[in-house]
N, C-alpha and C. Protein backbone atom coordinates (compact mmCIF):
# COMPACT_ATOMS: atom_id res chain seq x y z
N UNK A 1 -13.25 3.56 15.92
CA UNK A 1 -11.88 4.00 15.70
C UNK A 1 -11.46 3.73 14.25
N UNK A 2 -11.86 2.55 13.74
CA UNK A 2 -11.48 2.21 12.37
C UNK A 2 -12.09 3.21 11.39
N UNK A 3 -13.34 3.60 11.62
CA UNK A 3 -13.98 4.56 10.73
C UNK A 3 -13.29 5.91 10.79
N UNK A 4 -12.88 6.33 12.01
CA UNK A 4 -12.15 7.59 12.15
C UNK A 4 -10.83 7.52 11.40
N UNK A 5 -10.13 6.40 11.54
CA UNK A 5 -8.84 6.23 10.86
C UNK A 5 -9.02 6.28 9.35
N UNK A 6 -10.03 5.58 8.85
CA UNK A 6 -10.28 5.58 7.41
C UNK A 6 -10.70 6.96 6.92
N UNK A 7 -11.49 7.68 7.73
CA UNK A 7 -11.87 9.04 7.34
C UNK A 7 -10.65 9.95 7.29
N UNK A 8 -9.75 9.79 8.28
CA UNK A 8 -8.52 10.58 8.28
C UNK A 8 -7.67 10.25 7.06
N UNK A 9 -7.60 8.98 6.74
CA UNK A 9 -6.83 8.57 5.56
C UNK A 9 -7.42 9.18 4.30
N UNK A 10 -8.75 9.21 4.21
CA UNK A 10 -9.39 9.78 3.03
C UNK A 10 -9.01 11.24 2.87
N UNK A 11 -8.93 11.96 3.98
CA UNK A 11 -8.54 13.36 3.93
C UNK A 11 -7.13 13.48 3.35
N UNK A 12 -6.25 12.56 3.73
CA UNK A 12 -4.88 12.57 3.19
C UNK A 12 -4.84 12.09 1.74
N UNK A 13 -5.59 11.04 1.45
CA UNK A 13 -5.48 10.41 0.14
C UNK A 13 -6.21 11.19 -0.95
N UNK A 14 -7.29 11.87 -0.61
CA UNK A 14 -8.05 12.59 -1.64
C UNK A 14 -7.21 13.66 -2.32
N UNK A 15 -6.48 14.52 -1.58
CA UNK A 15 -5.62 15.47 -2.28
C UNK A 15 -4.52 14.77 -3.07
N UNK A 16 -4.04 13.64 -2.55
CA UNK A 16 -2.98 12.91 -3.26
C UNK A 16 -3.50 12.39 -4.59
N UNK A 17 -4.76 12.03 -4.63
CA UNK A 17 -5.33 11.54 -5.89
C UNK A 17 -5.48 12.67 -6.89
N UNK A 18 -5.72 13.88 -6.38
CA UNK A 18 -5.95 15.01 -7.27
C UNK A 18 -4.67 15.68 -7.72
N UNK A 19 -3.61 15.54 -6.95
CA UNK A 19 -2.35 16.20 -7.31
C UNK A 19 -1.19 15.26 -7.06
N UNK A 20 -0.01 15.66 -7.49
CA UNK A 20 1.18 14.84 -7.27
C UNK A 20 1.56 14.84 -5.81
N UNK A 21 2.17 13.74 -5.37
CA UNK A 21 2.56 13.62 -3.97
C UNK A 21 3.62 14.65 -3.61
N UNK A 22 4.47 15.01 -4.56
CA UNK A 22 5.48 16.02 -4.27
C UNK A 22 4.83 17.38 -4.03
N UNK A 23 3.67 17.63 -4.65
CA UNK A 23 2.96 18.88 -4.42
C UNK A 23 2.42 18.97 -3.00
N UNK A 24 2.25 17.83 -2.34
CA UNK A 24 1.81 17.81 -0.96
C UNK A 24 2.98 18.04 -0.01
N UNK A 25 4.18 18.07 -0.54
CA UNK A 25 5.36 18.26 0.30
C UNK A 25 5.82 16.99 0.98
N UNK A 26 5.38 15.84 0.51
CA UNK A 26 5.80 14.58 1.12
C UNK A 26 7.14 14.15 0.55
N UNK A 27 8.01 13.72 1.45
CA UNK A 27 9.34 13.25 1.06
C UNK A 27 9.33 11.73 0.98
N UNK A 28 10.03 11.19 -0.01
CA UNK A 28 10.11 9.74 -0.13
C UNK A 28 10.94 9.16 1.01
N UNK A 29 10.47 8.05 1.56
CA UNK A 29 11.21 7.36 2.60
C UNK A 29 12.37 6.56 2.00
N UNK A 30 12.18 6.06 0.78
CA UNK A 30 13.15 5.19 0.12
C UNK A 30 12.87 5.23 -1.37
N UNK A 31 13.77 4.68 -2.17
CA UNK A 31 13.49 4.61 -3.62
C UNK A 31 12.27 3.72 -3.89
N UNK A 32 11.61 3.96 -5.02
CA UNK A 32 10.50 3.10 -5.42
C UNK A 32 10.99 1.66 -5.47
N UNK A 33 10.12 0.73 -5.07
CA UNK A 33 10.50 -0.68 -4.98
C UNK A 33 9.59 -1.54 -5.84
N UNK A 34 10.18 -2.34 -6.70
CA UNK A 34 9.42 -3.34 -7.47
C UNK A 34 9.32 -4.60 -6.61
N UNK A 35 8.12 -5.11 -6.48
CA UNK A 35 7.88 -6.33 -5.71
C UNK A 35 7.44 -7.43 -6.66
N UNK A 36 7.72 -8.67 -6.29
CA UNK A 36 7.28 -9.83 -7.05
C UNK A 36 5.95 -10.31 -6.49
N UNK A 37 4.92 -10.34 -7.32
CA UNK A 37 3.62 -10.84 -6.89
C UNK A 37 3.70 -12.35 -6.81
N UNK A 38 3.42 -12.89 -5.63
CA UNK A 38 3.51 -14.33 -5.42
C UNK A 38 2.16 -15.02 -5.45
N UNK A 39 1.08 -14.23 -5.26
CA UNK A 39 -0.24 -14.85 -5.21
C UNK A 39 -1.32 -13.79 -5.39
N UNK A 40 -2.36 -14.15 -6.13
CA UNK A 40 -3.58 -13.35 -6.22
C UNK A 40 -4.73 -14.32 -5.98
N UNK A 41 -5.49 -14.07 -4.92
CA UNK A 41 -6.63 -14.92 -4.58
C UNK A 41 -7.89 -14.09 -4.76
N UNK A 42 -8.66 -14.42 -5.80
CA UNK A 42 -9.87 -13.67 -6.11
C UNK A 42 -11.03 -14.17 -5.27
N UNK A 43 -11.85 -13.24 -4.80
CA UNK A 43 -13.02 -13.60 -4.03
C UNK A 43 -14.18 -12.70 -4.36
N UNK A 44 -15.37 -13.13 -4.00
CA UNK A 44 -16.57 -12.34 -4.26
C UNK A 44 -16.57 -11.05 -3.45
N UNK A 45 -16.09 -11.11 -2.21
CA UNK A 45 -16.09 -9.93 -1.35
C UNK A 45 -14.71 -9.37 -1.08
N UNK A 46 -13.68 -10.21 -1.12
CA UNK A 46 -12.31 -9.78 -0.84
C UNK A 46 -11.37 -10.45 -1.83
N UNK A 47 -10.44 -9.68 -2.36
CA UNK A 47 -9.34 -10.22 -3.16
C UNK A 47 -8.06 -9.95 -2.40
N UNK A 48 -7.18 -10.95 -2.34
CA UNK A 48 -5.91 -10.82 -1.62
C UNK A 48 -4.75 -10.92 -2.60
N UNK A 49 -3.82 -9.99 -2.46
CA UNK A 49 -2.61 -9.96 -3.29
C UNK A 49 -1.42 -10.06 -2.35
N UNK A 50 -0.54 -11.03 -2.58
CA UNK A 50 0.68 -11.18 -1.79
C UNK A 50 1.88 -10.91 -2.67
N UNK A 51 2.90 -10.27 -2.08
CA UNK A 51 4.10 -9.91 -2.84
C UNK A 51 5.31 -9.95 -1.92
N UNK A 52 6.49 -10.07 -2.54
CA UNK A 52 7.75 -10.04 -1.80
C UNK A 52 8.78 -9.27 -2.61
N UNK A 53 9.76 -8.72 -1.90
CA UNK A 53 10.80 -7.98 -2.59
C UNK A 53 11.83 -7.46 -1.61
N UNK A 54 12.89 -6.88 -2.14
CA UNK A 54 13.94 -6.28 -1.33
C UNK A 54 13.69 -4.78 -1.28
N UNK A 55 13.52 -4.26 -0.06
CA UNK A 55 13.15 -2.87 0.13
C UNK A 55 14.19 -2.19 1.02
N UNK A 56 14.73 -1.07 0.51
CA UNK A 56 15.75 -0.34 1.26
C UNK A 56 15.24 0.02 2.66
N UNK A 57 16.04 -0.30 3.67
CA UNK A 57 15.68 -0.01 5.05
C UNK A 57 14.91 -1.11 5.74
N UNK A 58 14.24 -1.97 4.97
CA UNK A 58 13.43 -3.02 5.57
C UNK A 58 13.91 -4.42 5.21
N UNK A 59 14.83 -4.55 4.27
CA UNK A 59 15.36 -5.85 3.89
C UNK A 59 14.42 -6.63 2.99
N UNK A 60 14.35 -7.93 3.23
CA UNK A 60 13.44 -8.81 2.47
C UNK A 60 12.04 -8.61 3.04
N UNK A 61 11.13 -8.14 2.18
CA UNK A 61 9.80 -7.75 2.64
C UNK A 61 8.75 -8.68 2.04
N UNK A 62 7.79 -9.05 2.88
CA UNK A 62 6.62 -9.83 2.48
C UNK A 62 5.39 -9.02 2.87
N UNK A 63 4.44 -8.89 1.96
CA UNK A 63 3.23 -8.10 2.24
C UNK A 63 2.02 -8.77 1.61
N UNK A 64 0.88 -8.59 2.27
CA UNK A 64 -0.40 -9.06 1.73
C UNK A 64 -1.41 -7.93 1.82
N UNK A 65 -2.09 -7.69 0.71
CA UNK A 65 -3.10 -6.64 0.58
C UNK A 65 -4.46 -7.30 0.43
N UNK A 66 -5.43 -6.92 1.27
CA UNK A 66 -6.80 -7.44 1.19
C UNK A 66 -7.70 -6.31 0.69
N UNK A 67 -8.25 -6.48 -0.50
CA UNK A 67 -9.07 -5.46 -1.14
C UNK A 67 -10.54 -5.84 -1.09
N UNK A 68 -11.38 -4.93 -0.57
CA UNK A 68 -12.83 -5.11 -0.64
C UNK A 68 -13.35 -4.22 -1.76
N UNK A 69 -14.58 -4.49 -2.19
CA UNK A 69 -15.12 -3.83 -3.38
C UNK A 69 -16.23 -2.84 -3.05
N UNK A 70 -16.34 -1.78 -3.87
CA UNK A 70 -17.52 -0.92 -3.86
C UNK A 70 -18.56 -1.59 -4.77
N UNK A 71 -19.78 -1.05 -4.85
CA UNK A 71 -20.81 -1.69 -5.69
C UNK A 71 -20.42 -1.82 -7.17
N UNK A 72 -19.62 -0.90 -7.70
CA UNK A 72 -19.20 -0.98 -9.10
C UNK A 72 -17.99 -1.90 -9.29
N UNK A 73 -17.37 -2.31 -8.19
CA UNK A 73 -16.21 -3.22 -8.18
C UNK A 73 -14.98 -2.58 -8.84
N UNK A 74 -14.89 -1.25 -8.81
CA UNK A 74 -13.74 -0.56 -9.40
C UNK A 74 -12.95 0.23 -8.36
N UNK A 75 -13.34 0.10 -7.10
CA UNK A 75 -12.61 0.74 -6.00
C UNK A 75 -13.09 0.11 -4.70
N UNK A 76 -12.49 0.55 -3.60
CA UNK A 76 -12.90 0.03 -2.30
C UNK A 76 -11.84 0.29 -1.26
N UNK A 77 -11.90 -0.49 -0.20
CA UNK A 77 -10.91 -0.35 0.88
C UNK A 77 -9.84 -1.42 0.74
N UNK A 78 -8.70 -1.14 1.37
CA UNK A 78 -7.60 -2.11 1.40
C UNK A 78 -7.01 -2.09 2.80
N UNK A 79 -6.66 -3.26 3.29
CA UNK A 79 -5.91 -3.36 4.54
C UNK A 79 -4.99 -4.55 4.44
N UNK A 80 -4.03 -4.61 5.33
CA UNK A 80 -3.11 -5.73 5.31
C UNK A 80 -1.94 -5.52 6.23
N UNK A 81 -0.93 -6.36 6.03
CA UNK A 81 0.26 -6.33 6.86
C UNK A 81 1.48 -6.63 6.01
N UNK A 82 2.62 -6.20 6.53
CA UNK A 82 3.89 -6.50 5.89
C UNK A 82 4.94 -6.80 6.95
N UNK A 83 5.94 -7.56 6.57
CA UNK A 83 7.08 -7.87 7.43
C UNK A 83 8.35 -7.69 6.63
N UNK A 84 9.35 -7.08 7.27
CA UNK A 84 10.65 -6.91 6.65
C UNK A 84 11.71 -7.55 7.53
N UNK A 85 12.65 -8.26 6.91
CA UNK A 85 13.67 -8.99 7.65
C UNK A 85 15.06 -8.59 7.17
N UNK A 86 15.92 -8.23 8.13
CA UNK A 86 17.32 -7.92 7.85
C UNK A 86 18.18 -8.76 8.80
N UNK A 87 19.50 -8.69 8.63
CA UNK A 87 20.41 -9.40 9.53
C UNK A 87 20.29 -8.86 10.96
N UNK A 88 19.83 -7.62 11.11
CA UNK A 88 19.70 -7.00 12.44
C UNK A 88 18.36 -7.26 13.11
N UNK A 89 17.43 -7.86 12.43
CA UNK A 89 16.13 -8.11 13.03
C UNK A 89 15.01 -7.97 12.02
N UNK A 90 13.84 -7.54 12.51
CA UNK A 90 12.69 -7.43 11.61
C UNK A 90 11.86 -6.21 11.97
N UNK A 91 11.02 -5.83 11.03
CA UNK A 91 10.04 -4.77 11.24
C UNK A 91 8.68 -5.32 10.81
N UNK A 92 7.66 -4.81 11.43
CA UNK A 92 6.30 -5.23 11.12
C UNK A 92 5.45 -4.00 10.88
N UNK A 93 4.55 -4.07 9.92
CA UNK A 93 3.69 -2.93 9.64
C UNK A 93 2.27 -3.36 9.33
N UNK A 94 1.33 -2.51 9.72
CA UNK A 94 -0.08 -2.70 9.38
C UNK A 94 -0.52 -1.49 8.57
N UNK A 95 -1.44 -1.71 7.65
CA UNK A 95 -1.88 -0.58 6.83
C UNK A 95 -3.36 -0.67 6.51
N UNK A 96 -3.92 0.50 6.24
CA UNK A 96 -5.30 0.63 5.79
C UNK A 96 -5.36 1.75 4.77
N UNK A 97 -6.29 1.63 3.85
CA UNK A 97 -6.43 2.68 2.87
C UNK A 97 -7.54 2.39 1.88
N UNK A 98 -7.36 2.98 0.72
CA UNK A 98 -8.34 2.86 -0.35
C UNK A 98 -7.64 2.47 -1.64
N UNK A 99 -8.38 1.81 -2.52
CA UNK A 99 -7.84 1.46 -3.83
C UNK A 99 -8.86 1.87 -4.89
N UNK A 100 -8.33 2.01 -6.12
CA UNK A 100 -9.20 2.27 -7.26
C UNK A 100 -8.53 1.71 -8.51
N UNK A 101 -9.35 1.37 -9.49
CA UNK A 101 -8.86 0.88 -10.77
C UNK A 101 -8.71 2.07 -11.70
N UNK A 102 -7.48 2.33 -12.16
CA UNK A 102 -7.19 3.47 -13.02
C UNK A 102 -6.52 2.95 -14.29
N UNK A 103 -7.21 3.02 -15.41
CA UNK A 103 -6.67 2.56 -16.69
C UNK A 103 -6.13 1.13 -16.61
N UNK A 104 -6.87 0.26 -15.94
CA UNK A 104 -6.48 -1.14 -15.84
C UNK A 104 -5.45 -1.44 -14.77
N UNK A 105 -5.03 -0.44 -14.00
CA UNK A 105 -4.04 -0.62 -12.94
C UNK A 105 -4.72 -0.40 -11.59
N UNK A 106 -4.48 -1.31 -10.64
CA UNK A 106 -4.99 -1.17 -9.28
C UNK A 106 -4.05 -0.23 -8.53
N UNK A 107 -4.58 0.93 -8.11
CA UNK A 107 -3.78 1.91 -7.37
C UNK A 107 -4.28 1.92 -5.93
N UNK A 108 -3.38 1.59 -4.99
CA UNK A 108 -3.71 1.57 -3.57
C UNK A 108 -2.99 2.72 -2.88
N UNK A 109 -3.68 3.37 -1.96
CA UNK A 109 -3.08 4.43 -1.13
C UNK A 109 -3.34 4.05 0.32
N UNK A 110 -2.26 3.75 1.04
CA UNK A 110 -2.37 3.23 2.40
C UNK A 110 -1.57 4.06 3.38
N UNK A 111 -2.12 4.22 4.58
CA UNK A 111 -1.32 4.72 5.70
C UNK A 111 -0.77 3.49 6.41
N UNK A 112 0.55 3.49 6.61
CA UNK A 112 1.24 2.34 7.19
C UNK A 112 1.82 2.74 8.54
N UNK A 113 1.53 1.94 9.58
CA UNK A 113 2.11 2.13 10.91
C UNK A 113 3.12 1.01 11.11
N UNK A 114 4.39 1.38 11.34
CA UNK A 114 5.48 0.42 11.44
C UNK A 114 5.92 0.32 12.89
N UNK A 115 6.46 -0.85 13.28
CA UNK A 115 6.81 -1.10 14.68
C UNK A 115 7.85 -0.15 15.23
N UNK A 116 8.63 0.51 14.40
CA UNK A 116 9.61 1.49 14.91
C UNK A 116 8.96 2.86 15.14
N UNK A 117 7.63 2.91 15.13
CA UNK A 117 6.82 4.10 15.37
C UNK A 117 6.88 5.11 14.22
N UNK A 118 7.30 4.68 13.04
CA UNK A 118 7.22 5.55 11.87
C UNK A 118 5.91 5.26 11.14
N UNK A 119 5.52 6.21 10.30
CA UNK A 119 4.32 6.05 9.49
C UNK A 119 4.63 6.50 8.06
N UNK A 120 4.09 5.76 7.11
CA UNK A 120 4.26 6.07 5.69
C UNK A 120 2.90 6.26 5.03
N UNK A 121 2.91 7.00 3.94
CA UNK A 121 1.83 6.94 2.97
C UNK A 121 2.40 6.13 1.82
N UNK A 122 1.92 4.92 1.64
CA UNK A 122 2.38 4.07 0.54
C UNK A 122 1.40 4.19 -0.62
N UNK A 123 1.95 4.37 -1.80
CA UNK A 123 1.16 4.34 -3.04
C UNK A 123 1.66 3.12 -3.81
N UNK A 124 0.77 2.17 -4.02
CA UNK A 124 1.13 0.90 -4.67
C UNK A 124 0.37 0.83 -5.98
N UNK A 125 1.09 0.50 -7.03
CA UNK A 125 0.47 0.31 -8.34
C UNK A 125 0.69 -1.14 -8.77
N UNK A 126 -0.43 -1.85 -8.97
CA UNK A 126 -0.37 -3.24 -9.39
C UNK A 126 -1.04 -3.37 -10.75
N UNK A 127 -0.26 -3.83 -11.74
CA UNK A 127 -0.79 -4.07 -13.08
C UNK A 127 -1.08 -5.56 -13.20
N UNK A 128 -2.34 -5.97 -13.17
CA UNK A 128 -2.65 -7.40 -13.23
C UNK A 128 -2.23 -8.06 -14.54
N UNK A 129 -2.14 -7.29 -15.61
CA UNK A 129 -1.76 -7.85 -16.90
C UNK A 129 -0.28 -8.25 -16.92
N UNK A 130 0.57 -7.39 -16.40
CA UNK A 130 2.02 -7.66 -16.41
C UNK A 130 2.54 -8.23 -15.09
N UNK A 131 1.71 -8.20 -14.05
CA UNK A 131 2.06 -8.63 -12.69
C UNK A 131 3.08 -7.69 -12.04
N UNK A 132 3.28 -6.49 -12.60
CA UNK A 132 4.17 -5.50 -11.98
C UNK A 132 3.48 -4.90 -10.76
N UNK A 133 4.23 -4.79 -9.66
CA UNK A 133 3.74 -4.13 -8.46
C UNK A 133 4.85 -3.22 -7.96
N UNK A 134 4.58 -1.92 -7.91
CA UNK A 134 5.57 -0.92 -7.51
C UNK A 134 5.07 -0.23 -6.24
N UNK A 135 5.96 -0.12 -5.24
CA UNK A 135 5.63 0.55 -3.98
C UNK A 135 6.40 1.87 -3.91
N UNK A 136 5.67 2.95 -3.68
CA UNK A 136 6.26 4.26 -3.42
C UNK A 136 5.91 4.60 -1.97
N UNK A 137 6.93 4.84 -1.14
CA UNK A 137 6.71 5.11 0.29
C UNK A 137 7.09 6.56 0.60
N UNK A 138 6.13 7.29 1.17
CA UNK A 138 6.32 8.69 1.55
C UNK A 138 6.26 8.82 3.07
N UNK A 139 7.07 9.70 3.62
CA UNK A 139 7.16 9.87 5.07
C UNK A 139 5.96 10.66 5.59
N UNK A 140 5.25 10.08 6.56
CA UNK A 140 4.22 10.80 7.30
C UNK A 140 4.73 11.14 8.71
N UNK A 141 5.51 10.22 9.27
CA UNK A 141 6.07 10.42 10.61
C UNK A 141 7.39 9.68 10.72
């Protein structure tokens, strides 16, 4: 099932890599969100990036991205989870996708399944030099 899901994601993410997301007809779920990187844990097989921020619709959000490497160590898979907390409750999301290093920036493209039964295509750009991490969320469902 995981391989099928990742293959399906690749079908979605490959055109997104080749063209703008607006050209795919995807609508933004919310404004782009800057997150504060709280931790980067480097590993031989997996690197984990944790971040927090205020995200429209989800409140105070905490997320962790686990990146695995291809043989060249310039791309690979990513998976992780996020939690958002508001005065009305919380939301939880799981995601899987692919990442690649583009001009020194880690670009992740993830399909996110959220507990309210919505789905996003998240495009995350993390600049390790400046520690900037920007989340762009597009509506899939």
